[in-house]
Amino acid sequence: MTAADIRGPRLSLALGFVLLLFAAGVFVFAPAQNVWIDESTQLSGMTLPVGQLIPWLTGKLALPLGTPPDRMPPLSYLVDHMAWLVFGSTPIAFRLFHAAIVGGALLLLMTAMARRFNGRSALITGLVLALSPKFIELAVEIRAYPFFTAISCAQIALLLGGDVAAKPKRLALFVLLGLASAYTHYFGVVATSAYFVAVLADTRRWRDAIQAVLAYGVMALLWLGLIPFVTGATSISSATEVAQTGVGALAAYLFQLLGSAAQMVNPVAAALYFGGAALLVLLGVLGLLMLLGRERLEARYNVAFALALALAAGVSVTVLAGFAIKGFNALAPRYNLWALPLLALLIGVAADGLIGLPGKAARRARYGALALLAIGAIWAQAGFLGRAQWYIHGPSAALEETIAKAGDNKAVVYVATGSPTWSWGYFPLYWRHRATLPQWLLTADGAHVVRIGIGGDPNGAPQPLSALDSFSHLVVARIDLKTYKDLRAVVASGGAMAAPADLAPTLSQAGWQPAQAIARPGFYTLTGQIYGHRPTP
């Protein structure tokens, strides 16, 4: 592609087409997404002035927000605070705001790819991301992850321009982006350090290498400002989260760098998508190995090779951290979103033949793999958007609809499931209603209830069911976490669930009468029912 082509209609059409697909996914999924636990925290914290926000995030200031404390660095909160001054606490406004930032970063990445490689590879990479349920989900989250991913796209775009170490302005921009990434999410340190591998690989003079190392050292010193936030995060951790490091868990980690559980609900689409992606990755790796064998150390000046080194370095460090660090799950998919655009880029250049094996057989394999990937991506995305309610991160909207039907003087009662699944309903409802909507937990034996305290404390004294008699109606809810295998079973049975006849029999025995019931399948399956006082004979 020439410089004129880059600024011409072909690239504009490619950018517009990808943006249209991305926007379509956003406008379908954003209204469907529910406020969930972590978002209730972000929506609460973003309203704080800076003088309270920083002490709150570092654990120095306890505030009666009623939502879980957070473990994030402050940058996403500061940006959202400025947006809050404009939007107010309107979730859909923040979803579209965050999606606009991610969409802009996607176009920046594609433009940089078109300049360095060609328009075809840029288009393929853009389509891989725009047709990814994972990318659409993260784009509309009211969390740090949209900013984190957008910054990663900007870092990759900078690296595609080349000569980062040799040009002081580009090196300064690399440092600024690295600081922004780390102060958005702690894994920004991992991501930026991985990208620094690519910076060093592209360095041709010792003087430039020393300059780059010094810049990285300055950045690392400035990262020390994260220590109070890390300490605060450690102090609020209420549970030990240990990474699973078996073969299956590591395979799942690698799979989730690109894919998501939503794509696994349709097994045929998943096989096509991941089969095509795996074949393209394999062809790309073999091509890079041939390049290394042919050019030896000079191979590092190939930007695709340098970026592949960066991805390998980041993934390797993360896997080692999964083995070494206890009490923190380094392999959690949400922490590794920085790798998604980088992996999509490598798939794009492999699909276009810029890296890969030579010859007709390899070209046919590449075209076949790209066809499999495309069919699987379109099919899985159609299923994801067609049943968007299945893939939301909590059932708060369905609970709100049921609560609205229950009239005045009501309370919510959660059915115990053996794990604190009730929290996926409690915190979003508390964020919206505060203490005006009482929320209770039915004990496992169904004989008592516990008033859930502010901050989600379920350890209050059990009370008899008669403690609920002062309410006119009860909204009884049960939340169950499901897997893609469970949703496959729902699809096989027709795509619907039967509503319960009596969700809480002990309440019926205590004089309550079950009425309207709902059943909403999904990763956060909700069964709910309104109970009213049984008429006196």
Protein backbone atom coordinates (compact mmCIF):
# COMPACT_ATOMS: atom_id res chain seq x y z
CA MET A 1 0.00 0.00 0.00
CA THR A 2 1.30 3.42 -0.86
CA ALA A 3 0.98 6.50 1.29
CA ALA A 4 -1.81 7.67 -1.00
CA ASP A 5 -3.62 4.36 -0.53
CA ILE A 6 -3.34 4.73 3.23
CA ARG A 7 -5.16 8.03 3.10
CA GLY A 8 -7.43 6.94 0.27
CA PRO A 9 -10.89 5.43 0.06
CA ARG A 10 -9.86 1.78 0.46
CA LEU A 11 -8.57 2.22 3.98
CA SER A 12 -11.49 4.50 4.82
CA LEU A 13 -13.91 1.82 3.65
CA ALA A 14 -12.10 -0.83 5.69
CA LEU A 15 -12.11 1.36 8.80
CA GLY A 16 -15.77 2.24 8.29
CA PHE A 17 -16.80 -1.37 7.78
CA VAL A 18 -15.02 -2.58 10.91
CA LEU A 19 -16.35 0.35 12.93
CA LEU A 20 -19.88 -0.44 11.72
CA LEU A 21 -19.58 -4.07 12.87
CA PHE A 22 -18.10 -3.00 16.18
CA ALA A 23 -20.83 -0.40 16.73
CA ALA A 24 -23.53 -2.94 15.88
CA GLY A 25 -22.19 -5.28 18.55
CA VAL A 26 -21.96 -2.46 21.07
CA PHE A 27 -25.47 -1.16 20.44
CA VAL A 28 -26.91 -4.65 20.88
CA PHE A 29 -24.91 -5.71 23.92
CA ALA A 30 -24.58 -2.44 25.85
CA PRO A 31 -28.33 -2.07 26.58
CA ALA A 32 -28.52 -5.75 27.51
CA GLN A 33 -25.60 -5.68 29.94
CA ASN A 34 -26.58 -5.38 33.59
CA VAL A 35 -24.82 -3.46 36.31
CA TRP A 36 -22.82 -6.11 38.14
CA ILE A 37 -20.78 -6.29 41.33
CA ASP A 38 -17.56 -4.62 40.20
CA GLU A 39 -19.44 -2.02 38.21
CA SER A 40 -21.45 -1.05 41.28
CA THR A 41 -18.10 -0.28 42.91
CA GLN A 42 -16.88 1.79 39.96
CA LEU A 43 -20.18 3.67 39.74
CA SER A 44 -19.95 4.48 43.44
CA GLY A 45 -16.25 5.34 43.53
CA MET A 46 -16.31 7.61 40.49
CA THR A 47 -18.54 10.05 42.38
CA LEU A 48 -15.85 10.70 44.98
CA PRO A 49 -13.70 13.84 44.83
CA VAL A 50 -10.00 13.17 44.37
CA GLY A 51 -9.31 13.97 48.02
CA GLN A 52 -11.46 11.00 49.03
CA LEU A 53 -10.91 8.74 46.02
CA ILE A 54 -7.18 8.21 46.47
CA PRO A 55 -7.36 7.40 50.21
CA TRP A 56 -10.32 5.09 49.52
CA LEU A 57 -8.44 3.15 46.83
CA THR A 58 -5.35 2.87 49.01
CA GLY A 59 -7.39 1.58 51.94
CA LYS A 60 -6.70 4.63 54.12
CA LEU A 61 -10.30 5.81 54.12
CA ALA A 62 -13.37 3.69 54.80
CA LEU A 63 -16.56 5.06 53.29
CA PRO A 64 -20.12 3.76 53.73
CA LEU A 65 -20.65 3.23 50.00
CA GLY A 66 -22.24 -0.16 50.59
CA THR A 67 -20.45 -1.71 47.61
CA PRO A 68 -17.26 -3.80 47.66
CA PRO A 69 -13.99 -1.87 48.01
CA ASP A 70 -11.77 -1.85 44.94
CA ARG A 71 -8.24 -2.92 44.17
CA MET A 72 -7.64 -0.82 41.04
CA PRO A 73 -5.20 2.04 40.46
CA PRO A 74 -6.87 5.43 40.13
CA LEU A 75 -6.71 6.47 36.46
CA SER A 76 -9.96 4.89 35.26
CA TYR A 77 -11.78 6.37 38.25
CA LEU A 78 -10.38 9.82 37.52
CA VAL A 79 -11.47 9.67 33.88
CA ASP A 80 -14.89 8.35 34.83
CA HIS A 81 -15.22 11.04 37.49
CA MET A 82 -14.87 13.69 34.81
CA ALA A 83 -17.43 11.85 32.68
CA TRP A 84 -19.73 11.54 35.70
CA LEU A 85 -19.78 15.31 35.97
CA VAL A 86 -21.30 15.29 32.48
CA PHE A 87 -23.36 12.08 32.34
CA GLY A 88 -24.39 11.62 35.94
CA SER A 89 -24.76 8.02 37.15
CA THR A 90 -26.30 6.67 33.94
CA PRO A 91 -24.84 3.23 33.14
CA ILE A 92 -25.66 3.22 29.42
CA ALA A 93 -23.87 6.56 28.96
CA PHE A 94 -20.70 5.12 30.49
CA ARG A 95 -20.98 1.96 28.39
CA LEU A 96 -21.13 3.97 25.19
CA PHE A 97 -18.40 6.33 26.39
CA HIS A 98 -16.07 3.43 27.11
CA ALA A 99 -16.98 1.73 23.83
CA ALA A 100 -16.18 4.93 21.92
CA ILE A 101 -12.69 4.94 23.47
CA VAL A 102 -12.14 1.29 22.54
CA GLY A 103 -13.51 1.87 19.03
CA GLY A 104 -11.15 4.79 18.51
CA ALA A 105 -8.22 2.67 19.67
CA LEU A 106 -9.25 -0.08 17.25
CA LEU A 107 -9.17 2.38 14.34
CA LEU A 108 -5.77 3.66 15.50
CA LEU A 109 -4.40 0.12 15.54
CA MET A 110 -5.77 -0.64 12.06
CA THR A 111 -4.33 2.58 10.63
CA ALA A 112 -0.90 1.82 12.08
CA MET A 113 -1.06 -1.70 10.63
CA ALA A 114 -2.00 -0.34 7.20
CA ARG A 115 1.00 1.97 7.30
CA ARG A 116 3.45 -0.73 8.41
CA PHE A 117 2.04 -3.76 6.57
CA ASN A 118 -0.95 -3.30 4.27
CA GLY A 119 -4.68 -2.74 4.34
CA ARG A 120 -5.58 -6.42 4.12
CA SER A 121 -3.83 -7.40 7.33
CA ALA A 122 -5.32 -4.35 9.04
CA LEU A 123 -8.81 -5.34 7.88
CA ILE A 124 -8.41 -8.93 9.05
CA THR A 125 -7.18 -7.82 12.48
CA GLY A 126 -10.02 -5.33 12.76
CA LEU A 127 -12.57 -8.01 11.89
CA VAL A 128 -11.07 -10.48 14.37
CA LEU A 129 -11.64 -7.91 17.11
CA ALA A 130 -14.98 -6.47 15.95
CA LEU A 131 -16.44 -9.98 15.65
CA SER A 132 -15.14 -11.05 19.06
CA PRO A 133 -17.68 -11.38 21.90
CA LYS A 134 -14.77 -10.87 24.29
CA PHE A 135 -13.90 -7.53 22.68
CA ILE A 136 -17.52 -6.33 22.68
CA GLU A 137 -18.00 -7.37 26.32
CA LEU A 138 -14.93 -5.53 27.57
CA ALA A 139 -15.68 -2.44 25.49
CA VAL A 140 -18.93 -1.70 27.32
CA GLU A 141 -17.77 -2.51 30.85
CA ILE A 142 -17.90 0.25 33.45
CA ARG A 143 -14.49 -0.74 34.73
CA ALA A 144 -10.83 -0.11 33.97
CA TYR A 145 -10.63 -2.76 31.24
CA PRO A 146 -11.84 -0.66 28.28
CA PHE A 147 -9.15 1.93 29.06
CA PHE A 148 -6.55 -0.80 29.64
CA THR A 149 -7.27 -2.43 26.27
CA ALA A 150 -7.39 0.90 24.43
CA ILE A 151 -3.98 1.86 25.82
CA SER A 152 -2.63 -1.51 24.70
CA CYS A 153 -3.84 -0.77 21.16
CA ALA A 154 -2.06 2.60 21.31
CA GLN A 155 1.15 0.96 22.54
CA ILE A 156 1.07 -1.53 19.68
CA ALA A 157 0.42 1.27 17.19
CA LEU A 158 3.46 3.12 18.53
CA LEU A 159 5.63 0.02 18.14
CA LEU A 160 4.42 -0.46 14.58
CA GLY A 161 5.84 2.95 13.76
CA GLY A 162 9.31 1.64 14.66
CA ASP A 163 12.43 3.34 16.04
CA VAL A 164 10.93 3.91 19.47
CA ALA A 165 14.31 3.74 21.20
CA ALA A 166 16.04 5.92 18.63
CA LYS A 167 13.59 8.82 18.68
CA PRO A 168 13.25 10.68 22.00
CA LYS A 169 9.69 11.85 21.33
CA ARG A 170 8.52 8.33 20.55
CA LEU A 171 10.37 6.98 23.58
CA ALA A 172 8.77 9.63 25.78
CA LEU A 173 5.35 8.65 24.42
CA PHE A 174 6.13 5.01 25.19
CA VAL A 175 6.89 5.98 28.79
CA LEU A 176 3.68 8.01 29.08
CA LEU A 177 1.58 5.17 27.69
CA GLY A 178 3.32 2.73 30.04
CA LEU A 179 2.50 4.91 33.02
CA ALA A 180 -1.09 5.32 31.86
CA SER A 181 -1.43 1.56 31.43
CA ALA A 182 -0.02 0.71 34.86
CA TYR A 183 -2.05 3.39 36.64
CA THR A 184 -5.15 2.01 34.91
CA HIS A 185 -4.51 -1.63 35.81
CA TYR A 186 -1.66 -3.33 37.62
CA PHE A 187 -1.12 -5.67 34.68
CA GLY A 188 -0.14 -2.60 32.73
CA VAL A 189 3.29 -3.23 34.24
CA VAL A 190 3.31 -6.69 32.65
CA ALA A 191 1.98 -5.41 29.33
CA THR A 192 4.39 -2.49 29.08
CA SER A 193 7.35 -4.65 30.10
CA ALA A 194 6.39 -7.10 27.36
CA TYR A 195 6.20 -4.30 24.82
CA PHE A 196 9.59 -3.09 26.03
CA VAL A 197 10.99 -6.39 24.75
CA ALA A 198 9.82 -5.33 21.28
CA VAL A 199 11.42 -1.90 21.76
CA LEU A 200 14.77 -3.49 22.59
CA ALA A 201 14.47 -5.98 19.74
CA ASP A 202 14.10 -3.11 17.28
CA THR A 203 17.12 -1.23 18.66
CA ARG A 204 20.07 -1.08 16.25
CA ARG A 205 22.62 0.97 18.25
CA TRP A 206 23.99 0.50 21.73
CA ARG A 207 23.38 4.16 22.45
CA ASP A 208 19.70 3.77 21.67
CA ALA A 209 19.48 0.60 23.75
CA ILE A 210 21.00 2.36 26.76
CA GLN A 211 18.62 5.27 26.26
CA ALA A 212 15.67 2.86 26.18
CA VAL A 213 16.81 1.04 29.31
CA LEU A 214 17.20 4.34 31.16
CA ALA A 215 13.69 5.36 30.07
CA TYR A 216 12.34 2.04 31.30
CA GLY A 217 14.16 2.61 34.59
CA VAL A 218 12.51 6.01 35.00
CA MET A 219 9.15 4.45 34.25
CA ALA A 220 9.79 1.67 36.77
CA LEU A 221 10.63 4.25 39.43
CA LEU A 222 7.38 6.05 38.71
CA TRP A 223 5.53 2.74 38.95
CA LEU A 224 6.56 2.68 42.61
CA GLY A 225 3.69 5.09 43.14
CA LEU A 226 1.44 2.05 42.76
CA ILE A 227 2.68 0.56 46.03
CA PRO A 228 0.04 2.23 48.25
CA PHE A 229 -2.68 0.96 45.90
CA VAL A 230 -1.22 -2.55 45.87
CA THR A 231 -1.04 -2.49 49.67
CA GLY A 232 -4.63 -1.31 49.84
CA ALA A 233 -5.71 -4.05 47.46
CA THR A 234 -3.99 -6.66 49.61
CA SER A 235 -5.66 -5.39 52.76
CA ILE A 236 -9.18 -5.71 51.32
CA SER A 237 -8.74 -9.14 49.82
CA SER A 238 -11.18 -11.33 51.69
CA ALA A 239 -10.41 -14.58 49.96
CA THR A 240 -7.39 -16.39 48.64
CA GLU A 241 -7.53 -16.63 44.88
CA VAL A 242 -5.11 -19.25 43.61
CA ALA A 243 -4.31 -19.77 39.95
CA GLN A 244 -4.93 -23.28 38.66
CA THR A 245 -1.76 -24.41 36.92
CA GLY A 246 -2.62 -27.85 35.58
CA VAL A 247 -2.38 -28.64 31.88
CA GLY A 248 -6.08 -28.04 31.37
CA ALA A 249 -5.99 -24.72 33.22
CA LEU A 250 -3.00 -23.51 31.20
CA ALA A 251 -4.74 -24.53 27.98
CA ALA A 252 -7.83 -22.61 29.11
CA TYR A 253 -5.66 -19.57 29.85
CA LEU A 254 -4.20 -19.63 26.33
CA PHE A 255 -7.65 -20.14 24.81
CA GLN A 256 -9.04 -17.19 26.74
CA LEU A 257 -6.35 -14.84 25.46
CA LEU A 258 -8.42 -14.73 22.27
CA GLY A 259 -11.77 -16.35 22.99
CA SER A 260 -14.50 -16.38 25.58
CA ALA A 261 -16.95 -18.84 27.04
CA ALA A 262 -19.75 -17.24 24.99
CA GLN A 263 -18.16 -18.66 21.83
CA MET A 264 -18.18 -22.16 23.31
CA VAL A 265 -21.96 -22.44 23.62
CA ASN A 266 -22.17 -23.38 19.93
CA PRO A 267 -19.69 -26.26 19.66
CA VAL A 268 -19.53 -26.25 15.85
CA ALA A 269 -18.91 -22.50 15.64
CA ALA A 270 -16.29 -22.83 18.39
CA ALA A 271 -14.52 -25.64 16.54
CA LEU A 272 -14.42 -23.61 13.33
CA TYR A 273 -13.25 -20.44 15.05
CA PHE A 274 -10.57 -21.90 17.26
CA GLY A 275 -9.49 -24.44 14.66
CA GLY A 276 -8.93 -21.67 12.12
CA ALA A 277 -7.21 -19.42 14.64
CA ALA A 278 -4.93 -22.22 15.86
CA LEU A 279 -3.90 -23.11 12.30
CA LEU A 280 -3.10 -19.48 11.50
CA VAL A 281 -1.08 -19.15 14.70
CA LEU A 282 0.79 -22.35 13.85
CA LEU A 283 1.57 -21.14 10.32
CA GLY A 284 2.72 -17.81 11.73
CA VAL A 285 4.98 -19.43 14.33
CA LEU A 286 6.53 -21.71 11.71
CA GLY A 287 7.12 -18.73 9.46
CA LEU A 288 8.77 -16.77 12.25
CA LEU A 289 10.98 -19.74 13.08
CA MET A 290 12.03 -19.93 9.42
CA LEU A 291 12.78 -16.21 9.53
CA LEU A 292 14.89 -16.73 12.64
CA GLY A 293 16.77 -19.59 11.02
CA ARG A 294 17.41 -17.55 7.90
CA GLU A 295 18.28 -14.17 9.39
CA ARG A 296 19.45 -15.13 12.88
CA LEU A 297 19.62 -12.07 15.14
CA GLU A 298 18.59 -9.81 12.28
CA ALA A 299 15.12 -11.36 12.51
CA ARG A 300 14.39 -9.15 15.48
CA TYR A 301 14.13 -6.13 13.17
CA ASN A 302 11.01 -7.67 11.66
CA VAL A 303 8.24 -5.93 13.62
CA ALA A 304 5.98 -8.99 13.58
CA PHE A 305 8.82 -11.05 15.05
CA ALA A 306 9.45 -8.39 17.71
CA LEU A 307 5.76 -8.27 18.64
CA ALA A 308 5.62 -12.06 18.81
CA LEU A 309 8.57 -11.91 21.21
CA ALA A 310 6.66 -9.38 23.30
CA LEU A 311 3.60 -11.62 23.45
CA ALA A 312 5.70 -14.66 24.35
CA ALA A 313 7.52 -12.71 27.07
CA GLY A 314 4.30 -11.40 28.63
CA VAL A 315 2.58 -14.77 28.54
CA SER A 316 5.63 -16.56 29.96
CA VAL A 317 5.96 -14.15 32.88
CA THR A 318 2.24 -14.44 33.60
CA VAL A 319 2.33 -18.24 33.61
CA LEU A 320 5.36 -18.23 35.92
CA ALA A 321 3.52 -15.81 38.21
CA GLY A 322 0.60 -18.23 38.24
CA PHE A 323 2.91 -20.89 39.66
CA ALA A 324 4.82 -18.62 42.02
CA ILE A 325 2.27 -16.21 43.48
CA LYS A 326 -0.37 -17.53 45.83
CA GLY A 327 -3.40 -15.53 46.85
CA PHE A 328 -3.65 -13.92 43.40
CA ASN A 329 -4.81 -15.49 40.14
CA ALA A 330 -2.41 -14.10 37.56
CA LEU A 331 -4.05 -16.26 34.88
CA ALA A 332 -7.47 -14.62 35.21
CA PRO A 333 -8.66 -13.69 31.68
CA ARG A 334 -9.63 -10.15 32.68
CA TYR A 335 -6.05 -9.36 33.75
CA ASN A 336 -4.65 -10.43 30.38
CA LEU A 337 -6.82 -8.38 28.04
CA TRP A 338 -3.73 -6.46 26.93
CA ALA A 339 -2.77 -9.51 24.85
CA LEU A 340 -6.02 -9.63 22.84
CA PRO A 341 -5.21 -6.91 20.26
CA LEU A 342 -1.63 -8.15 19.98
CA LEU A 343 -2.76 -11.70 19.26
CA ALA A 344 -5.34 -10.41 16.77
CA LEU A 345 -2.57 -8.49 14.99
CA LEU A 346 -0.39 -11.58 14.67
CA ILE A 347 -3.35 -13.57 13.33
CA GLY A 348 -3.99 -10.78 10.82
CA VAL A 349 -0.45 -10.74 9.44
CA ALA A 350 -0.34 -14.55 9.39
CA ALA A 351 -3.64 -14.73 7.50
CA ASP A 352 -2.31 -12.24 4.96
CA GLY A 353 0.86 -14.27 4.45
CA LEU A 354 3.23 -11.65 5.82
CA ILE A 355 4.51 -14.28 8.21
CA GLY A 356 4.15 -17.94 7.43
CA LEU A 357 5.44 -20.73 5.25
CA PRO A 358 6.03 -20.24 1.52
CA GLY A 359 4.46 -22.30 -1.24
CA LYS A 360 1.04 -23.14 -2.65
CA ALA A 361 0.21 -25.70 0.03
CA ALA A 362 0.84 -23.18 2.80
CA ARG A 363 -1.20 -20.56 0.95
CA ARG A 364 -4.13 -22.95 0.61
CA ALA A 365 -3.85 -23.85 4.28
CA ARG A 366 -3.84 -20.15 5.14
CA TYR A 367 -6.93 -19.44 3.06
CA GLY A 368 -8.69 -22.46 4.49
CA ALA A 369 -7.84 -21.45 8.04
CA LEU A 370 -9.04 -17.90 7.39
CA ALA A 371 -12.32 -19.23 6.00
CA LEU A 372 -12.83 -21.42 9.08
CA LEU A 373 -12.04 -18.49 11.35
CA ALA A 374 -14.41 -16.17 9.51
CA ILE A 375 -17.34 -18.60 9.47
CA GLY A 376 -16.83 -19.47 13.13
CA ALA A 377 -16.51 -15.81 14.15
CA ILE A 378 -19.66 -14.70 12.33
CA TRP A 379 -21.66 -17.68 13.58
CA ALA A 380 -20.53 -17.29 17.20
CA GLN A 381 -21.06 -13.52 17.15
CA ALA A 382 -24.59 -13.98 15.81
CA GLY A 383 -25.32 -16.38 18.66
CA PHE A 384 -23.76 -14.03 21.19
CA LEU A 385 -25.76 -11.00 20.10
CA GLY A 386 -28.92 -12.98 19.41
CA ARG A 387 -28.98 -14.18 23.01
CA ALA A 388 -27.19 -11.26 24.61
CA GLN A 389 -29.19 -11.69 27.83
CA TRP A 390 -27.45 -15.02 28.38
CA TYR A 391 -23.99 -13.47 28.49
CA ILE A 392 -24.53 -10.49 30.77
CA HIS A 393 -22.57 -10.32 34.03
CA GLY A 394 -25.48 -10.48 36.44
CA PRO A 395 -29.27 -10.50 36.67
CA SER A 396 -29.87 -7.07 38.19
CA ALA A 397 -32.09 -5.78 35.35
CA ALA A 398 -34.42 -8.77 35.53
CA LEU A 399 -34.55 -8.34 39.29
CA GLU A 400 -35.43 -4.67 38.84
CA GLU A 401 -38.27 -5.60 36.48
CA THR A 402 -39.65 -8.07 39.00
CA ILE A 403 -39.28 -5.61 41.87
CA ALA A 404 -41.22 -3.00 39.89
CA LYS A 405 -44.14 -5.44 39.62
CA ALA A 406 -44.22 -6.11 43.36
CA GLY A 407 -45.76 -2.81 44.39
CA ASP A 408 -44.80 -0.89 47.51
CA ASN A 409 -43.57 -2.14 50.89
CA LYS A 410 -41.50 -4.99 49.51
CA ALA A 411 -38.25 -6.78 50.24
CA VAL A 412 -35.89 -9.01 48.30
CA VAL A 413 -35.15 -12.47 49.68
CA TYR A 414 -32.34 -14.56 48.19
CA VAL A 415 -32.42 -18.34 48.23
CA ALA A 416 -29.12 -19.80 49.45
CA THR A 417 -27.17 -21.82 46.87
CA GLY A 418 -24.13 -22.91 48.87
CA SER A 419 -21.99 -20.02 47.61
CA PRO A 420 -22.50 -16.25 47.80
CA THR A 421 -24.25 -16.00 44.43
CA TRP A 422 -26.76 -13.65 46.07
CA SER A 423 -24.09 -10.94 45.89
CA TRP A 424 -24.63 -10.65 42.11
CA GLY A 425 -28.07 -9.31 42.90
CA TYR A 426 -27.44 -7.57 46.21
CA PHE A 427 -24.70 -5.09 45.27
CA PRO A 428 -26.24 -3.70 42.05
CA LEU A 429 -29.59 -3.33 43.83
CA TYR A 430 -27.92 -1.63 46.78
CA TRP A 431 -26.10 0.75 44.45
CA ARG A 432 -29.42 1.81 42.95
CA HIS A 433 -31.77 1.67 45.96
CA ARG A 434 -29.45 1.95 48.98
CA ALA A 435 -31.19 1.02 52.21
CA THR A 436 -34.68 1.80 50.86
CA LEU A 437 -34.92 -1.75 49.52
CA PRO A 438 -34.37 -4.31 52.32
CA GLN A 439 -32.51 -7.42 51.16
CA TRP A 440 -32.55 -10.70 53.07
CA LEU A 441 -30.95 -14.11 52.76
CA LEU A 442 -32.97 -17.27 53.32
CA THR A 443 -30.89 -19.78 55.25
CA ALA A 444 -30.02 -23.11 53.68
CA ASP A 445 -32.70 -24.95 55.66
CA GLY A 446 -35.28 -22.34 54.69
CA ALA A 447 -36.34 -21.87 58.31
CA HIS A 448 -34.77 -18.47 58.99
CA VAL A 449 -33.76 -15.26 57.25
CA VAL A 450 -30.77 -12.97 57.74
CA ARG A 451 -30.88 -9.27 56.93
CA ILE A 452 -27.91 -8.58 54.66
CA GLY A 453 -25.95 -5.74 56.22
CA ILE A 454 -24.45 -2.72 54.50
CA GLY A 455 -21.43 -3.80 52.51
CA GLY A 456 -22.93 -7.23 51.87
CA ASP A 457 -22.51 -8.69 55.35
CA PRO A 458 -24.53 -11.96 55.53
CA ASN A 459 -23.44 -12.82 59.07
CA GLY A 460 -26.24 -11.20 61.02
CA ALA A 461 -28.32 -13.09 63.53
CA PRO A 462 -30.83 -15.49 61.92
CA GLN A 463 -34.41 -14.39 62.45
CA PRO A 464 -37.66 -16.32 62.16
CA LEU A 465 -39.61 -16.06 58.91
CA SER A 466 -42.12 -13.92 60.77
CA ALA A 467 -39.56 -11.09 60.54
CA LEU A 468 -40.81 -10.66 56.97
CA ASP A 469 -44.47 -10.27 57.94
CA SER A 470 -44.31 -6.47 57.88
CA PHE A 471 -43.79 -6.49 54.12
CA SER A 472 -46.66 -6.66 51.66
CA HIS A 473 -44.68 -8.51 48.99
CA LEU A 474 -41.44 -10.44 48.72
CA VAL A 475 -39.32 -10.77 45.61
CA VAL A 476 -37.66 -14.14 46.07
CA ALA A 477 -34.61 -14.75 43.87
CA ARG A 478 -32.15 -17.54 43.27
CA ILE A 479 -28.97 -16.88 41.29
CA ASP A 480 -26.93 -19.79 39.93
CA LEU A 481 -23.63 -19.51 38.08
CA LYS A 482 -23.58 -21.63 34.94
CA THR A 483 -21.00 -22.74 32.38
CA TYR A 484 -21.13 -22.92 28.61
CA LYS A 485 -21.92 -26.63 28.96
CA ASP A 486 -25.02 -25.77 30.99
CA LEU A 487 -26.12 -23.32 28.31
CA ARG A 488 -25.58 -25.92 25.61
CA ALA A 489 -28.10 -28.07 27.49
CA VAL A 490 -30.55 -25.15 27.55
CA VAL A 491 -30.16 -24.75 23.77
CA ALA A 492 -30.76 -28.46 23.30
CA SER A 493 -33.98 -28.22 25.32
CA GLY A 494 -35.35 -25.37 23.23
CA GLY A 495 -33.62 -22.31 24.67
CA ALA A 496 -35.98 -21.66 27.57
CA MET A 497 -36.36 -22.60 31.23
CA ALA A 498 -39.50 -23.43 33.15
CA ALA A 499 -40.47 -20.88 35.78
CA PRO A 500 -40.73 -22.30 39.31
CA ALA A 501 -44.11 -23.14 40.80
CA ASP A 502 -42.89 -22.40 44.32
CA LEU A 503 -39.31 -21.16 44.64
CA ALA A 504 -39.32 -21.04 48.45
CA PRO A 505 -41.68 -23.69 49.88
CA THR A 506 -40.91 -22.73 53.48
CA LEU A 507 -42.29 -19.25 52.80
CA SER A 508 -45.48 -20.81 51.45
CA GLN A 509 -45.74 -22.86 54.61
CA ALA A 510 -45.29 -19.67 56.63
CA GLY A 511 -48.32 -18.04 55.03
CA TRP A 512 -46.95 -16.48 51.86
CA GLN A 513 -48.57 -17.14 48.50
CA PRO A 514 -46.37 -17.58 45.38
CA ALA A 515 -47.49 -15.62 42.34
CA GLN A 516 -45.63 -14.36 39.27
CA ALA A 517 -42.45 -16.28 38.50
CA ILE A 518 -39.61 -15.81 36.03
CA ALA A 519 -36.73 -17.93 34.79
CA ARG A 520 -33.86 -16.30 32.88
CA PRO A 521 -31.13 -18.63 31.59
CA GLY A 522 -27.57 -17.43 31.22
CA PHE A 523 -24.16 -17.53 32.83
CA TYR A 524 -25.93 -15.90 35.79
CA THR A 525 -29.19 -17.80 35.75
CA LEU A 526 -32.03 -16.14 37.64
CA THR A 527 -35.18 -17.77 38.92
CA GLY A 528 -37.46 -15.38 40.73
CA GLN A 529 -40.95 -15.18 42.12
CA ILE A 530 -43.18 -12.62 43.78
CA TYR A 531 -44.82 -13.71 47.03
CA GLY A 532 -47.75 -11.97 48.67
CA HIS A 533 -49.61 -12.53 51.90
CA ARG A 534 -52.08 -15.38 51.60
CA PRO A 535 -55.63 -14.02 52.05
CA THR A 536 -57.12 -14.75 55.45
CA PRO A 537 -60.01 -17.27 55.15
